[in-house]
Amino acid sequence: MYDTIRYEVIEGVAWLYLNRPEKLNAFTALMNKEIANALKISNSDDEVRCIVITGEGRAFCSGQDLSEVDETMDFGQVLRDHYGPMIKQIRQCEKPIIAAVNGVAAGAGFSLALACDFRLVSEKASFLNAFVHVGLIPDSGNLFYLSKLVGHAKSLELSILGEKVTAVKAVEIGLANRLISINAWNEEVTAFANRVAGLPTRAIGLIKQAMHAAENLSFEDYLEFEAGGQRIASLTYDHREGLDAFIQKRKANYIGR
């Protein structure tokens, strides 16, 4: 189905593997397109309750494949045509998205991880805002997300100095959510994804929408947006199931609707 990624759905979790291990999963225009397409399919598939993006081999994603770059390219247009649609698809996705960062996430690979809802990191993971080392600015939504996660000062430091952030440091500064031992990597990532997939999916989508709305709306407008979202959530099966489970003192069995 795809040439640069591997996609499969297992027990409600869509697994999206960046699949160019010999190139450290570097981006090509085709990979941008295939990631966006897989995310669109996941978002519309009722069977999918959670999405995991990870890398095959020893890297998460090393950024742009420089063999596709030449001096005649309009880099701004490349972002508009390829990276922008991919990052927008992540932001528009109502399903929770986990970046399982198994190795280096550099350049636009760092941006990809930043755009996800969770970042799980292995002991071998690292982050690098490598753009400055080739005289460019962070792109693909990088600073938009980075500044929200680690603040203005740390974002400038990571972007201007272009220093590597280890997995341990990433957790310390709030860049990553969980540090996972490499020996337990597959088991713990799967367990985390399954846990998220077992939550009320519609409510998660509404939470994500509310978070995005909070970035742009006035407080009064946000309260109105919030009220609309809560009404939608209150009409779902999972809301009723959650209430019944609480009253009956049992574990809720959410179905994502």
Protein backbone atom coordinates (compact mmCIF):
# COMPACT_ATOMS: atom_id res chain seq x y z
CA MET A 1 0.00 0.00 0.00
CA TYR A 2 2.87 2.37 0.81
CA ASP A 3 6.52 2.64 -0.30
CA THR A 4 8.11 4.69 2.48
CA ILE A 5 6.00 3.78 5.51
CA ARG A 6 4.45 0.64 6.97
CA TYR A 7 0.90 0.85 8.28
CA GLU A 8 -1.15 -1.63 10.26
CA VAL A 9 -4.04 -1.59 12.72
CA ILE A 10 -3.87 -3.91 15.73
CA GLU A 11 -6.54 -3.96 18.44
CA GLY A 12 -7.67 -0.39 17.87
CA VAL A 13 -4.16 1.06 17.48
CA ALA A 14 -2.88 2.26 14.10
CA TRP A 15 0.88 1.72 13.87
CA LEU A 16 2.63 4.00 11.37
CA TYR A 17 6.27 3.04 10.87
CA LEU A 18 8.60 5.37 8.99
CA ASN A 19 10.25 2.77 6.81
CA ARG A 20 13.49 4.01 5.29
CA PRO A 21 15.91 2.62 7.90
CA GLU A 22 18.90 2.69 5.56
CA LYS A 23 18.41 6.49 5.34
CA LEU A 24 17.59 6.90 9.06
CA ASN A 25 13.97 7.38 7.95
CA ALA A 26 14.77 10.70 6.28
CA PHE A 27 11.84 12.49 4.68
CA THR A 28 11.12 12.48 1.00
CA ALA A 29 8.20 14.18 -0.73
CA LEU A 30 6.59 10.75 -1.09
CA MET A 31 6.99 10.02 2.62
CA ASN A 32 5.33 13.34 3.52
CA LYS A 33 2.41 12.41 1.28
CA GLU A 34 2.12 8.86 2.57
CA ILE A 35 2.17 9.92 6.24
CA ALA A 36 -0.58 12.48 5.60
CA ASN A 37 -2.63 9.87 3.75
CA ALA A 38 -2.24 7.25 6.51
CA LEU A 39 -3.27 9.79 9.15
CA LYS A 40 -6.33 10.77 7.14
CA ILE A 41 -7.33 7.11 6.83
CA SER A 42 -6.76 6.55 10.56
CA ASN A 43 -8.85 9.54 11.52
CA SER A 44 -11.84 8.30 9.49
CA ASP A 45 -11.54 4.65 10.56
CA ASP A 46 -13.89 3.88 13.47
CA GLU A 47 -11.74 0.88 14.37
CA VAL A 48 -8.78 3.16 15.14
CA ARG A 49 -8.77 4.62 18.65
CA CYS A 50 -5.11 5.67 18.85
CA ILE A 51 -2.20 6.25 16.43
CA VAL A 52 1.49 5.52 17.02
CA ILE A 53 4.20 7.00 14.79
CA THR A 54 7.63 5.42 15.14
CA GLY A 55 10.70 4.58 13.09
CA GLU A 56 12.08 1.35 11.70
CA GLY A 57 15.70 0.63 12.54
CA ARG A 58 17.85 2.80 14.80
CA ALA A 59 16.34 6.23 14.07
CA PHE A 60 12.97 7.91 14.48
CA CYS A 61 13.52 10.40 11.65
CA SER A 62 16.68 12.28 10.68
CA GLY A 63 14.86 15.07 8.84
CA GLN A 64 14.89 15.92 5.16
CA ASP A 65 16.68 13.55 2.81
CA LEU A 66 19.30 15.94 1.44
CA SER A 67 19.69 13.91 -1.74
CA GLU A 68 16.34 15.42 -2.82
CA VAL A 69 17.56 18.98 -2.26
CA ASP A 70 19.14 21.19 -4.90
CA GLU A 71 19.93 24.91 -5.15
CA THR A 72 17.05 25.62 -7.53
CA MET A 73 14.37 24.57 -5.02
CA ASP A 74 12.01 27.07 -3.43
CA PHE A 75 12.17 25.87 0.17
CA GLY A 76 9.08 27.85 1.10
CA GLN A 77 7.09 26.10 -1.59
CA VAL A 78 8.43 22.72 -0.45
CA LEU A 79 6.98 23.44 3.00
CA ARG A 80 3.66 24.56 1.53
CA ASP A 81 3.37 21.53 -0.76
CA HIS A 82 4.77 18.71 1.37
CA TYR A 83 5.48 19.38 5.04
CA GLY A 84 2.58 21.73 5.69
CA PRO A 85 -0.12 19.26 4.61
CA MET A 86 1.48 16.51 6.72
CA ILE A 87 1.68 18.65 9.89
CA LYS A 88 -1.84 20.01 9.32
CA GLN A 89 -3.16 16.47 9.07
CA ILE A 90 -1.66 15.70 12.48
CA ARG A 91 -3.24 18.79 13.99
CA GLN A 92 -6.64 18.07 12.44
CA CYS A 93 -6.67 14.45 13.58
CA GLU A 94 -9.19 13.83 16.36
CA LYS A 95 -7.53 10.59 17.44
CA PRO A 96 -4.69 10.73 20.01
CA ILE A 97 -1.27 10.47 18.33
CA ILE A 98 1.81 9.07 20.06
CA ALA A 99 5.33 9.68 18.79
CA ALA A 100 7.34 6.64 19.90
CA VAL A 101 10.81 8.14 19.49
CA ASN A 102 13.12 5.14 19.24
CA GLY A 103 16.25 7.00 18.12
CA VAL A 104 17.36 10.35 16.75
CA ALA A 105 14.64 12.87 15.84
CA ALA A 106 16.40 15.66 13.97
CA GLY A 107 15.26 18.61 11.88
CA ALA A 108 11.80 17.99 10.48
CA GLY A 109 11.83 14.65 12.31
CA PHE A 110 11.96 16.66 15.53
CA SER A 111 9.04 18.73 14.21
CA LEU A 112 7.05 15.58 13.50
CA ALA A 113 7.50 14.38 17.08
CA LEU A 114 6.59 17.82 18.47
CA ALA A 115 3.30 17.87 16.55
CA CYS A 116 2.10 14.63 18.19
CA ASP A 117 0.08 14.53 21.42
CA PHE A 118 2.52 12.33 23.35
CA ARG A 119 6.24 11.71 23.05
CA LEU A 120 7.54 8.43 24.46
CA VAL A 121 11.32 8.16 24.28
CA SER A 122 13.69 5.23 24.47
CA GLU A 123 17.06 5.51 26.19
CA LYS A 124 18.62 5.79 22.73
CA ALA A 125 16.39 8.68 21.63
CA SER A 126 17.61 12.21 21.11
CA PHE A 127 16.28 15.46 19.67
CA LEU A 128 18.18 17.93 17.53
CA ASN A 129 17.03 21.22 16.02
CA ALA A 130 19.57 20.84 13.27
CA PHE A 131 18.30 23.59 10.97
CA VAL A 132 20.77 26.22 12.18
CA HIS A 133 23.68 23.99 11.17
CA VAL A 134 22.72 24.47 7.52
CA GLY A 135 21.71 28.12 7.87
CA LEU A 136 17.97 27.53 8.05
CA ILE A 137 15.20 28.20 10.56
CA PRO A 138 13.19 25.46 12.30
CA ASP A 139 10.20 24.58 10.14
CA SER A 140 7.22 22.23 9.85
CA GLY A 141 5.57 23.84 12.87
CA ASN A 142 8.66 23.29 15.03
CA LEU A 143 8.78 26.53 17.02
CA PHE A 144 4.99 26.72 17.26
CA TYR A 145 4.97 23.50 19.29
CA LEU A 146 8.41 23.72 20.89
CA SER A 147 7.75 27.09 22.53
CA LYS A 148 4.54 25.75 24.08
CA LEU A 149 6.31 22.71 25.49
CA VAL A 150 9.53 24.18 26.88
CA GLY A 151 9.01 27.96 26.83
CA HIS A 152 10.50 30.88 24.92
CA ALA A 153 14.01 30.88 26.37
CA LYS A 154 14.67 27.15 26.05
CA SER A 155 13.21 27.11 22.51
CA LEU A 156 15.67 29.82 21.47
CA GLU A 157 18.54 27.95 23.10
CA LEU A 158 17.73 24.66 21.36
CA SER A 159 17.17 26.37 18.01
CA ILE A 160 20.10 28.80 17.96
CA LEU A 161 22.75 26.54 19.49
CA GLY A 162 21.44 23.41 17.78
CA GLU A 163 22.62 21.14 20.59
CA LYS A 164 21.47 17.56 21.01
CA VAL A 165 18.89 16.86 23.73
CA THR A 166 19.23 13.42 25.29
CA ALA A 167 16.23 11.30 26.24
CA VAL A 168 16.76 11.97 29.95
CA LYS A 169 17.03 15.73 29.38
CA ALA A 170 13.95 15.71 27.14
CA VAL A 171 11.85 14.35 30.00
CA GLU A 172 13.40 16.81 32.48
CA ILE A 173 12.49 19.88 30.40
CA GLY A 174 9.00 18.67 29.46
CA LEU A 175 9.82 17.84 25.87
CA ALA A 176 8.96 14.15 26.34
CA ASN A 177 6.30 12.44 28.46
CA ARG A 178 7.90 9.10 29.34
CA LEU A 179 11.38 7.56 29.27
CA ILE A 180 11.26 3.84 28.50
CA SER A 181 14.04 1.29 28.85
CA ILE A 182 15.19 -0.07 25.52
CA ASN A 183 14.76 -3.59 26.92
CA ALA A 184 11.05 -2.96 27.55
CA TRP A 185 10.47 -0.64 24.59
CA ASN A 186 8.00 -2.65 22.50
CA GLU A 187 6.02 -3.89 25.49
CA GLU A 188 5.68 -0.50 27.20
CA VAL A 189 4.90 1.47 24.04
CA THR A 190 2.22 -1.09 23.17
CA ALA A 191 0.81 -0.99 26.71
CA PHE A 192 0.67 2.82 26.66
CA ALA A 193 -1.00 2.85 23.22
CA ASN A 194 -3.53 0.24 24.30
CA ARG A 195 -4.30 2.24 27.44
CA VAL A 196 -4.97 5.38 25.40
CA ALA A 197 -7.01 3.39 22.87
CA GLY A 198 -9.22 2.20 25.73
CA LEU A 199 -10.22 5.72 26.72
CA PRO A 200 -13.32 7.61 25.45
CA THR A 201 -12.06 8.58 21.99
CA ARG A 202 -14.70 11.20 21.23
CA ALA A 203 -13.89 13.03 24.46
CA ILE A 204 -10.20 12.99 23.57
CA GLY A 205 -10.95 14.52 20.18
CA LEU A 206 -13.00 17.26 21.86
CA ILE A 207 -10.21 17.89 24.37
CA LYS A 208 -7.78 18.35 21.48
CA GLN A 209 -10.17 20.77 19.76
CA ALA A 210 -10.58 22.74 22.98
CA MET A 211 -6.81 22.97 23.43
CA HIS A 212 -6.45 24.36 19.92
CA ALA A 213 -9.33 26.80 20.48
CA ALA A 214 -7.76 28.06 23.70
CA GLU A 215 -4.75 29.28 21.69
CA ASN A 216 -6.79 31.75 19.67
CA LEU A 217 -10.09 32.61 21.36
CA SER A 218 -10.87 35.23 23.97
CA PHE A 219 -11.81 33.83 27.36
CA GLU A 220 -15.50 34.53 26.79
CA ASP A 221 -15.45 32.91 23.35
CA TYR A 222 -13.54 29.95 24.74
CA LEU A 223 -16.19 29.38 27.42
CA GLU A 224 -18.84 29.25 24.68
CA PHE A 225 -16.71 26.83 22.65
CA GLU A 226 -16.22 24.72 25.77
CA ALA A 227 -19.98 24.61 26.42
CA GLY A 228 -20.61 23.38 22.88
CA GLY A 229 -17.97 20.70 23.20
CA GLN A 230 -19.31 19.53 26.54
CA ARG A 231 -22.80 19.18 25.10
CA ILE A 232 -21.45 16.94 22.34
CA ALA A 233 -19.48 14.86 24.84
CA SER A 234 -22.50 14.45 27.10
CA LEU A 235 -24.48 12.83 24.28
CA THR A 236 -21.94 10.06 23.59
CA TYR A 237 -22.27 6.42 24.53
CA ASP A 238 -18.96 6.61 26.40
CA HIS A 239 -20.25 9.35 28.69
CA ARG A 240 -23.23 7.22 29.66
CA GLU A 241 -20.97 4.19 30.08
CA GLY A 242 -18.61 6.17 32.31
CA LEU A 243 -21.46 7.30 34.54
CA ASP A 244 -22.91 3.79 34.78
CA ALA A 245 -19.50 2.33 35.61
CA PHE A 246 -18.96 4.92 38.35
CA ILE A 247 -22.37 4.24 39.92
CA GLN A 248 -21.93 0.47 39.64
CA LYS A 249 -18.34 0.64 40.93
CA ARG A 250 -16.89 -1.22 37.95
CA LYS A 251 -14.37 -0.52 35.22
CA ALA A 252 -15.82 1.36 32.26
CA ASN A 253 -15.83 -0.31 28.86
CA TYR A 254 -15.49 2.55 26.39
CA ILE A 255 -16.11 1.93 22.69
CA GLY A 256 -15.01 5.27 21.22
CA ARG A 257 -18.50 6.53 20.38
